[in-house]
Amino acid sequence: MNAKNLENSINATLPPTPYYVLDEAAIVANMKIIARLCELSGAKALLALKCFATWGVFDVMQPYLHGTTSSSLNEVRLGYELW
């Protein structure tokens, strides 16, 4: 197999790019820590959409957080529609 065939073979098995692989168990573990801190302190935790707008895992995070923050109209819309 030449290099071009190998490259085509590898590319055929990968999903289209760009893509992100998220560890849902790690996200839940972190959310549980945040929820516990909120419980102990009385603070409220918000998701800053500016730094993490990966809406594909909002449903996993939502039970542990109190809402979202927004610094643009598009972020307001994302928070309103998907949170």
C-alpha atoms as a PDB file:
ATOM      1  CA  MET A   1       0.000   0.000   0.000  1.00  0.00           C
ATOM      2  CA  ASN A   2       1.484   3.330  -0.999  1.00  0.00           C
ATOM      3  CA  ALA A   3       1.325   6.485   1.113  1.00  0.00           C
ATOM      4  CA  LYS A   4      -1.630   7.962  -0.794  1.00  0.00           C
ATOM      5  CA  ASN A   5      -3.715   4.795  -0.380  1.00  0.00           C
ATOM      6  CA  LEU A   6      -2.845   4.683   3.325  1.00  0.00           C
ATOM      7  CA  GLU A   7      -3.883   8.318   3.757  1.00  0.00           C
ATOM      8  CA  ASN A   8      -7.177   7.699   1.951  1.00  0.00           C
ATOM      9  CA  SER A   9      -7.817   4.612   4.077  1.00  0.00           C
ATOM     10  CA  ILE A  10      -7.227   6.525   7.321  1.00  0.00           C
ATOM     11  CA  ASN A  11      -9.349   9.482   6.198  1.00  0.00           C
ATOM     12  CA  ALA A  12     -12.218   7.170   5.266  1.00  0.00           C
ATOM     13  CA  THR A  13     -12.470   5.952   8.882  1.00  0.00           C
ATOM     14  CA  LEU A  14     -12.407   9.384  10.522  1.00  0.00           C
ATOM     15  CA  PRO A  15     -15.460  11.624  10.918  1.00  0.00           C
ATOM     16  CA  PRO A  16     -15.474  14.842   8.913  1.00  0.00           C
ATOM     17  CA  THR A  17     -13.457  17.648  10.449  1.00  0.00           C
ATOM     18  CA  PRO A  18     -13.525  19.722  12.489  1.00  0.00           C
ATOM     19  CA  TYR A  19     -14.868  17.625  15.330  1.00  0.00           C
ATOM     20  CA  TYR A  20     -14.434  17.511  19.075  1.00  0.00           C
ATOM     21  CA  VAL A  21     -14.419  14.492  21.341  1.00  0.00           C
ATOM     22  CA  LEU A  22     -15.861  15.256  24.776  1.00  0.00           C
ATOM     23  CA  ASP A  23     -15.653  12.984  27.786  1.00  0.00           C
ATOM     24  CA  GLU A  24     -19.173  13.102  29.193  1.00  0.00           C
ATOM     25  CA  ALA A  25     -18.144  11.295  32.396  1.00  0.00           C
ATOM     26  CA  ALA A  26     -15.465  13.933  33.042  1.00  0.00           C
ATOM     27  CA  ILE A  27     -17.944  16.731  32.393  1.00  0.00           C
ATOM     28  CA  VAL A  28     -20.440  15.219  34.851  1.00  0.00           C
ATOM     29  CA  ALA A  29     -17.694  14.727  37.455  1.00  0.00           C
ATOM     30  CA  ASN A  30     -16.725  18.399  37.142  1.00  0.00           C
ATOM     31  CA  MET A  31     -20.361  19.503  37.267  1.00  0.00           C
ATOM     32  CA  LYS A  32     -20.852  17.540  40.496  1.00  0.00           C
ATOM     33  CA  ILE A  33     -17.916  19.378  42.054  1.00  0.00           C
ATOM     34  CA  ILE A  34     -19.389  22.710  40.986  1.00  0.00           C
ATOM     35  CA  ALA A  35     -22.830  21.752  42.323  1.00  0.00           C
ATOM     36  CA  ARG A  36     -21.314  20.749  45.665  1.00  0.00           C
ATOM     37  CA  LEU A  37     -19.436  24.045  45.933  1.00  0.00           C
ATOM     38  CA  CYS A  38     -22.666  25.908  45.228  1.00  0.00           C
ATOM     39  CA  GLU A  39     -24.489  23.862  47.863  1.00  0.00           C
ATOM     40  CA  LEU A  40     -21.833  24.545  50.491  1.00  0.00           C
ATOM     41  CA  SER A  41     -21.363  28.240  49.744  1.00  0.00           C
ATOM     42  CA  GLY A  42     -24.773  29.376  48.559  1.00  0.00           C
ATOM     43  CA  ALA A  43     -23.217  30.657  45.339  1.00  0.00           C
ATOM     44  CA  LYS A  44     -24.800  30.222  41.929  1.00  0.00           C
ATOM     45  CA  ALA A  45     -22.770  28.820  39.033  1.00  0.00           C
ATOM     46  CA  LEU A  46     -23.255  30.134  35.512  1.00  0.00           C
ATOM     47  CA  LEU A  47     -21.939  28.805  32.223  1.00  0.00           C
ATOM     48  CA  ALA A  48     -19.940  31.490  30.405  1.00  0.00           C
ATOM     49  CA  LEU A  49     -20.866  30.971  26.771  1.00  0.00           C
ATOM     50  CA  LYS A  50     -17.860  33.050  25.710  1.00  0.00           C
ATOM     51  CA  CYS A  51     -15.518  30.293  26.885  1.00  0.00           C
ATOM     52  CA  PHE A  52     -17.672  27.179  26.367  1.00  0.00           C
ATOM     53  CA  ALA A  53     -20.479  27.294  23.824  1.00  0.00           C
ATOM     54  CA  THR A  54     -20.474  23.592  23.022  1.00  0.00           C
ATOM     55  CA  TRP A  55     -24.243  23.289  23.019  1.00  0.00           C
ATOM     56  CA  GLY A  56     -24.087  19.557  22.329  1.00  0.00           C
ATOM     57  CA  VAL A  57     -23.483  18.909  26.042  1.00  0.00           C
ATOM     58  CA  PHE A  58     -25.739  21.597  27.521  1.00  0.00           C
ATOM     59  CA  ASP A  59     -28.290  18.937  28.476  1.00  0.00           C
ATOM     60  CA  VAL A  60     -25.600  17.138  30.513  1.00  0.00           C
ATOM     61  CA  MET A  61     -24.503  20.329  32.279  1.00  0.00           C
ATOM     62  CA  GLN A  62     -27.871  21.979  32.833  1.00  0.00           C
ATOM     63  CA  PRO A  63     -28.910  20.073  35.995  1.00  0.00           C
ATOM     64  CA  TYR A  64     -25.797  21.326  37.800  1.00  0.00           C
ATOM     65  CA  LEU A  65     -25.696  24.991  36.775  1.00  0.00           C
ATOM     66  CA  HIS A  66     -28.011  27.933  37.368  1.00  0.00           C
ATOM     67  CA  GLY A  67     -27.932  29.523  33.927  1.00  0.00           C
ATOM     68  CA  THR A  68     -25.674  31.167  31.379  1.00  0.00           C
ATOM     69  CA  THR A  69     -23.868  34.463  30.893  1.00  0.00           C
ATOM     70  CA  SER A  70     -23.780  36.331  27.605  1.00  0.00           C
ATOM     71  CA  SER A  71     -21.750  39.144  26.139  1.00  0.00           C
ATOM     72  CA  SER A  72     -23.358  39.325  22.699  1.00  0.00           C
ATOM     73  CA  LEU A  73     -26.781  39.007  21.143  1.00  0.00           C
ATOM     74  CA  ASN A  74     -25.848  35.651  19.619  1.00  0.00           C
ATOM     75  CA  GLU A  75     -24.836  34.316  23.030  1.00  0.00           C
ATOM     76  CA  VAL A  76     -28.117  35.548  24.504  1.00  0.00           C
ATOM     77  CA  ARG A  77     -29.957  33.687  21.777  1.00  0.00           C
ATOM     78  CA  LEU A  78     -27.909  30.506  22.292  1.00  0.00           C
ATOM     79  CA  GLY A  79     -28.540  30.580  26.031  1.00  0.00           C
ATOM     80  CA  TYR A  80     -32.244  31.297  25.586  1.00  0.00           C
ATOM     81  CA  GLU A  81     -32.885  28.703  22.883  1.00  0.00           C
ATOM     82  CA  LEU A  82     -30.720  25.836  24.084  1.00  0.00           C
ATOM     83  CA  TRP A  83     -30.412  26.227  27.833  1.00  0.00           C
END
